[in-house]
Amino acid sequence: MPYSADTAFIQEQWQAGHFPRENTLVLNSGFYCLFDLPYEHPRLSNKVWMPALDFPGRDEPDFVTTLGFATEGPQPFHAQCGETAGHGGDGFLALLEKDTDALIWLLVLSETNPFCRVEIHDQQIHAESTSGVTVRVPVERPDQLTLVWP
């Protein structure tokens, strides 16, 4: 299977609580999406996709601290949110399979502050950071998220 080593690497990193230190979207298909997120900009820009094992900074991962969970609803997934251990100004959102906790996607956003509240609304994840940044993330296309800065 193409990218099976990348897919396995992503699940191993998630189980260990590791993720890249920069603005990143991690997909369970084995790919990273690196992007820019200028302050007060509502969307991701300059997206670059690559297989996870091709990411040059993977030897220096950061760690996640979970601050919130959302499990309501009949969906086969649930969401987590929180902060990075390395820098308190960064937050993360993760979508996980409900039965296995396998990672579906992980979104790391720099300078939003940690996400402390997350909710599932149909096919969107809604989250709020400790600094009041709100984000709406489509479950199927997390790279098309929308942010509102305070």
Foldseek 3Di string as FASTA:
>chain_A
DPLPVLLVVVQVCVVVQWDAPAFWKFASVQKIWHFDDPPQDFATPPIDMDGNVVDPPPVDTWGWDWQDWEDDDDDQKIKTKWATPPDQQKIKMFIAGNPPRGTRMMGIHGRQGTWRDWYDDPQWIWTAHPQGKIKIAGNVHRNGITIGHD
